[in-house]
Amino acid sequence: MFIALLILWLIFGGVSVTNLVLGAAVSALITLFAVKFMGYSSARLRAGLKKGGRALGYGLFLLGEIVKANLAVIKLIYRKKEPEPLLVRFNAGLKTDMARVLVANSITLTPGTITVELIGDELCVHALDRSMDVGIESCAFIEKAKELEA
């Protein structure tokens, strides 16, 4: 953290001996404050960065699923047959409320599906057509959320 703060100080303030000394002092004080009062540790930072990478991966995966679902809904609109909507109830098998809400919101964000209810670990999802129901109990959102829980 000290090095990152010092580099940031030098980027914004310019490189000079005075700036280097002052930047080192301020960076050291901020680092000491973070360690003593905020529970900062490099191990915690690494764990946070690792989780942040997983969260970014989840976000990119979600964007891909939204695009795929949009294409599926477009196909559904243009086919001649009427859609067959249905409600599906299933247990997600997730440990934390955060992961459950993440999955419920991800399902709602993808076109053609809406999470109607989330009670405990059970989700009730409305699908626009039976074709969108295939494998929803073991969807990739749940697997990705389990990775984020770890």
C-alpha atoms as a PDB file:
ATOM      1  CA  MET A   1       0.000   0.000   0.000  1.00  0.00           C
ATOM      2  CA  PHE A   2       2.850   2.346   0.860  1.00  0.00           C
ATOM      3  CA  ILE A   3       4.419   1.987  -2.589  1.00  0.00           C
ATOM      4  CA  ALA A   4       1.097   2.455  -4.391  1.00  0.00           C
ATOM      5  CA  LEU A   5       0.366   5.630  -2.409  1.00  0.00           C
ATOM      6  CA  LEU A   6       3.868   6.990  -3.031  1.00  0.00           C
ATOM      7  CA  ILE A   7       3.634   6.353  -6.759  1.00  0.00           C
ATOM      8  CA  LEU A   8       0.230   8.045  -6.847  1.00  0.00           C
ATOM      9  CA  TRP A   9       1.675  11.016  -4.926  1.00  0.00           C
ATOM     10  CA  LEU A  10       4.531  11.357  -7.410  1.00  0.00           C
ATOM     11  CA  ILE A  11       2.204  11.067 -10.415  1.00  0.00           C
ATOM     12  CA  PHE A  12      -0.043  13.860  -9.168  1.00  0.00           C
ATOM     13  CA  GLY A  13       2.652  16.064  -7.593  1.00  0.00           C
ATOM     14  CA  GLY A  14       5.576  15.579  -9.948  1.00  0.00           C
ATOM     15  CA  VAL A  15       8.970  14.030  -9.259  1.00  0.00           C
ATOM     16  CA  SER A  16      11.330  16.091  -7.111  1.00  0.00           C
ATOM     17  CA  VAL A  17      13.339  15.457  -3.962  1.00  0.00           C
ATOM     18  CA  THR A  18      10.941  17.515  -1.843  1.00  0.00           C
ATOM     19  CA  ASN A  19       7.922  15.724  -3.282  1.00  0.00           C
ATOM     20  CA  LEU A  20       9.585  12.349  -2.768  1.00  0.00           C
ATOM     21  CA  VAL A  21      10.325  13.027   0.919  1.00  0.00           C
ATOM     22  CA  LEU A  22       6.934  14.569   1.624  1.00  0.00           C
ATOM     23  CA  GLY A  23       5.154  11.831  -0.352  1.00  0.00           C
ATOM     24  CA  ALA A  24       7.038   9.109   1.552  1.00  0.00           C
ATOM     25  CA  ALA A  25       6.053  10.671   4.878  1.00  0.00           C
ATOM     26  CA  VAL A  26       2.379  11.047   3.958  1.00  0.00           C
ATOM     27  CA  SER A  27       2.242   7.564   2.426  1.00  0.00           C
ATOM     28  CA  ALA A  28       3.816   6.063   5.544  1.00  0.00           C
ATOM     29  CA  LEU A  29       1.318   7.845   7.810  1.00  0.00           C
ATOM     30  CA  ILE A  30      -1.655   6.718   5.732  1.00  0.00           C
ATOM     31  CA  THR A  31      -0.348   3.141   5.654  1.00  0.00           C
ATOM     32  CA  LEU A  32       0.216   3.100   9.433  1.00  0.00           C
ATOM     33  CA  PHE A  33      -3.273   4.516  10.000  1.00  0.00           C
ATOM     34  CA  ALA A  34      -4.805   1.871   7.726  1.00  0.00           C
ATOM     35  CA  VAL A  35      -2.952  -0.946   9.496  1.00  0.00           C
ATOM     36  CA  LYS A  36      -3.738   0.231  13.022  1.00  0.00           C
ATOM     37  CA  PHE A  37      -7.317   1.484  12.752  1.00  0.00           C
ATOM     38  CA  MET A  38      -8.785  -0.116   9.631  1.00  0.00           C
ATOM     39  CA  GLY A  39      -7.406  -3.642   9.878  1.00  0.00           C
ATOM     40  CA  TYR A  40      -5.431  -3.357   6.639  1.00  0.00           C
ATOM     41  CA  SER A  41      -3.131  -6.228   5.738  1.00  0.00           C
ATOM     42  CA  SER A  42      -1.530  -7.273   2.496  1.00  0.00           C
ATOM     43  CA  ALA A  43      -3.127 -10.736   2.786  1.00  0.00           C
ATOM     44  CA  ARG A  44      -6.551  -9.114   3.042  1.00  0.00           C
ATOM     45  CA  LEU A  45      -5.757  -6.926   0.037  1.00  0.00           C
ATOM     46  CA  ARG A  46      -4.764  -9.967  -2.043  1.00  0.00           C
ATOM     47  CA  ALA A  47      -7.987 -11.764  -1.040  1.00  0.00           C
ATOM     48  CA  GLY A  48     -10.005  -8.679  -1.981  1.00  0.00           C
ATOM     49  CA  LEU A  49      -8.284  -8.409  -5.367  1.00  0.00           C
ATOM     50  CA  LYS A  50      -8.914 -12.091  -6.024  1.00  0.00           C
ATOM     51  CA  LYS A  51     -12.609 -11.671  -5.201  1.00  0.00           C
ATOM     52  CA  GLY A  52     -12.723  -8.507  -7.296  1.00  0.00           C
ATOM     53  CA  GLY A  53     -11.384 -10.469 -10.259  1.00  0.00           C
ATOM     54  CA  ARG A  54     -14.062 -13.112  -9.780  1.00  0.00           C
ATOM     55  CA  ALA A  55     -16.735 -10.406  -9.548  1.00  0.00           C
ATOM     56  CA  LEU A  56     -15.477  -8.834 -12.774  1.00  0.00           C
ATOM     57  CA  GLY A  57     -15.590 -12.253 -14.432  1.00  0.00           C
ATOM     58  CA  TYR A  58     -19.165 -12.701 -13.196  1.00  0.00           C
ATOM     59  CA  GLY A  59     -20.130  -9.307 -14.640  1.00  0.00           C
ATOM     60  CA  LEU A  60     -18.657 -10.167 -18.041  1.00  0.00           C
ATOM     61  CA  PHE A  61     -20.377 -13.557 -17.955  1.00  0.00           C
ATOM     62  CA  LEU A  62     -23.681 -11.818 -17.124  1.00  0.00           C
ATOM     63  CA  LEU A  63     -23.285  -9.490 -20.108  1.00  0.00           C
ATOM     64  CA  GLY A  64     -22.769 -12.489 -22.390  1.00  0.00           C
ATOM     65  CA  GLU A  65     -25.860 -14.197 -20.990  1.00  0.00           C
ATOM     66  CA  ILE A  66     -27.916 -11.030 -21.507  1.00  0.00           C
ATOM     67  CA  VAL A  67     -26.895 -10.950 -25.178  1.00  0.00           C
ATOM     68  CA  LYS A  68     -27.764 -14.647 -25.628  1.00  0.00           C
ATOM     69  CA  ALA A  69     -31.121 -14.188 -23.915  1.00  0.00           C
ATOM     70  CA  ASN A  70     -31.908 -11.175 -26.108  1.00  0.00           C
ATOM     71  CA  LEU A  71     -31.306 -13.295 -29.195  1.00  0.00           C
ATOM     72  CA  ALA A  72     -33.521 -16.079 -27.790  1.00  0.00           C
ATOM     73  CA  VAL A  73     -36.351 -13.615 -27.126  1.00  0.00           C
ATOM     74  CA  ILE A  74     -36.022 -12.177 -30.648  1.00  0.00           C
ATOM     75  CA  LYS A  75     -36.328 -15.709 -32.084  1.00  0.00           C
ATOM     76  CA  LEU A  76     -39.335 -16.314 -29.877  1.00  0.00           C
ATOM     77  CA  ILE A  77     -41.024 -13.141 -31.095  1.00  0.00           C
ATOM     78  CA  TYR A  78     -40.569 -13.979 -34.768  1.00  0.00           C
ATOM     79  CA  ARG A  79     -41.622 -17.605 -34.659  1.00  0.00           C
ATOM     80  CA  LYS A  80     -45.230 -18.363 -35.523  1.00  0.00           C
ATOM     81  CA  LYS A  81     -46.024 -20.444 -32.413  1.00  0.00           C
ATOM     82  CA  GLU A  82     -47.417 -18.835 -29.245  1.00  0.00           C
ATOM     83  CA  PRO A  83     -45.029 -18.811 -26.276  1.00  0.00           C
ATOM     84  CA  GLU A  84     -45.779 -21.125 -23.366  1.00  0.00           C
ATOM     85  CA  PRO A  85     -44.989 -19.180 -20.179  1.00  0.00           C
ATOM     86  CA  LEU A  86     -44.399 -21.052 -16.940  1.00  0.00           C
ATOM     87  CA  LEU A  87     -43.291 -20.669 -13.327  1.00  0.00           C
ATOM     88  CA  VAL A  88     -40.391 -22.754 -12.062  1.00  0.00           C
ATOM     89  CA  ARG A  89     -39.496 -23.274  -8.383  1.00  0.00           C
ATOM     90  CA  PHE A  90     -36.092 -24.605  -7.383  1.00  0.00           C
ATOM     91  CA  ASN A  91     -33.483 -24.505  -4.623  1.00  0.00           C
ATOM     92  CA  ALA A  92     -30.309 -22.671  -5.543  1.00  0.00           C
ATOM     93  CA  GLY A  93     -28.052 -24.417  -3.021  1.00  0.00           C
ATOM     94  CA  LEU A  94     -26.234 -21.200  -2.096  1.00  0.00           C
ATOM     95  CA  LYS A  95     -24.884 -20.427   1.386  1.00  0.00           C
ATOM     96  CA  THR A  96     -25.163 -16.635   1.618  1.00  0.00           C
ATOM     97  CA  ASP A  97     -28.016 -14.203   1.125  1.00  0.00           C
ATOM     98  CA  MET A  98     -25.714 -12.057  -1.020  1.00  0.00           C
ATOM     99  CA  ALA A  99     -25.199 -14.897  -3.513  1.00  0.00           C
ATOM    100  CA  ARG A 100     -28.927 -15.689  -3.577  1.00  0.00           C
ATOM    101  CA  VAL A 101     -29.838 -12.082  -4.326  1.00  0.00           C
ATOM    102  CA  LEU A 102     -27.087 -11.904  -6.966  1.00  0.00           C
ATOM    103  CA  VAL A 103     -28.511 -14.955  -8.756  1.00  0.00           C
ATOM    104  CA  ALA A 104     -32.092 -13.685  -8.451  1.00  0.00           C
ATOM    105  CA  ASN A 105     -31.145 -10.305  -9.909  1.00  0.00           C
ATOM    106  CA  SER A 106     -29.057 -11.895 -12.661  1.00  0.00           C
ATOM    107  CA  ILE A 107     -31.995 -14.049 -13.711  1.00  0.00           C
ATOM    108  CA  THR A 108     -34.230 -10.973 -13.752  1.00  0.00           C
ATOM    109  CA  LEU A 109     -31.708  -9.013 -15.831  1.00  0.00           C
ATOM    110  CA  THR A 110     -31.696 -11.628 -18.579  1.00  0.00           C
ATOM    111  CA  PRO A 111     -34.585 -11.062 -21.001  1.00  0.00           C
ATOM    112  CA  GLY A 112     -37.321 -13.683 -20.941  1.00  0.00           C
ATOM    113  CA  THR A 113     -36.968 -14.568 -17.265  1.00  0.00           C
ATOM    114  CA  ILE A 114     -37.991 -12.815 -14.051  1.00  0.00           C
ATOM    115  CA  THR A 115     -37.380 -13.885 -10.483  1.00  0.00           C
ATOM    116  CA  VAL A 116     -40.823 -13.627  -8.928  1.00  0.00           C
ATOM    117  CA  GLU A 117     -39.949 -14.738  -5.409  1.00  0.00           C
ATOM    118  CA  LEU A 118     -36.936 -15.562  -3.284  1.00  0.00           C
ATOM    119  CA  ILE A 119     -37.708 -17.245   0.021  1.00  0.00           C
ATOM    120  CA  GLY A 120     -34.732 -18.664   1.852  1.00  0.00           C
ATOM    121  CA  ASP A 121     -32.867 -20.670  -0.749  1.00  0.00           C
ATOM    122  CA  GLU A 122     -35.897 -21.250  -2.994  1.00  0.00           C
ATOM    123  CA  LEU A 123     -36.361 -19.180  -6.128  1.00  0.00           C
ATOM    124  CA  CYS A 124     -39.541 -18.871  -8.151  1.00  0.00           C
ATOM    125  CA  VAL A 125     -38.763 -17.833 -11.726  1.00  0.00           C
ATOM    126  CA  HIS A 126     -41.194 -16.889 -14.495  1.00  0.00           C
ATOM    127  CA  ALA A 127     -39.957 -17.918 -17.931  1.00  0.00           C
ATOM    128  CA  LEU A 128     -41.447 -16.451 -21.098  1.00  0.00           C
ATOM    129  CA  ASP A 129     -41.365 -19.846 -22.806  1.00  0.00           C
ATOM    130  CA  ARG A 130     -40.721 -23.491 -21.917  1.00  0.00           C
ATOM    131  CA  SER A 131     -37.509 -23.386 -23.946  1.00  0.00           C
ATOM    132  CA  MET A 132     -36.070 -20.894 -21.433  1.00  0.00           C
ATOM    133  CA  ASP A 133     -36.747 -23.304 -18.567  1.00  0.00           C
ATOM    134  CA  VAL A 134     -34.193 -25.878 -19.693  1.00  0.00           C
ATOM    135  CA  GLY A 135     -31.549 -26.324 -16.991  1.00  0.00           C
ATOM    136  CA  ILE A 136     -32.562 -23.284 -14.948  1.00  0.00           C
ATOM    137  CA  GLU A 137     -32.139 -25.237 -11.672  1.00  0.00           C
ATOM    138  CA  SER A 138     -28.458 -25.734 -12.402  1.00  0.00           C
ATOM    139  CA  CYS A 139     -27.828 -22.580 -14.422  1.00  0.00           C
ATOM    140  CA  ALA A 140     -24.364 -21.124 -14.742  1.00  0.00           C
ATOM    141  CA  PHE A 141     -25.362 -18.137 -12.590  1.00  0.00           C
ATOM    142  CA  ILE A 142     -25.564 -20.468  -9.595  1.00  0.00           C
ATOM    143  CA  GLU A 143     -22.184 -22.042 -10.345  1.00  0.00           C
ATOM    144  CA  LYS A 144     -20.534 -18.623 -10.735  1.00  0.00           C
ATOM    145  CA  ALA A 145     -22.177 -17.377  -7.509  1.00  0.00           C
ATOM    146  CA  LYS A 146     -20.804 -20.438  -5.668  1.00  0.00           C
ATOM    147  CA  GLU A 147     -17.320 -19.450  -6.869  1.00  0.00           C
ATOM    148  CA  LEU A 148     -17.865 -15.960  -5.448  1.00  0.00           C
ATOM    149  CA  GLU A 149     -18.939 -17.439  -2.099  1.00  0.00           C
ATOM    150  CA  ALA A 150     -15.676 -19.346  -1.729  1.00  0.00           C
END
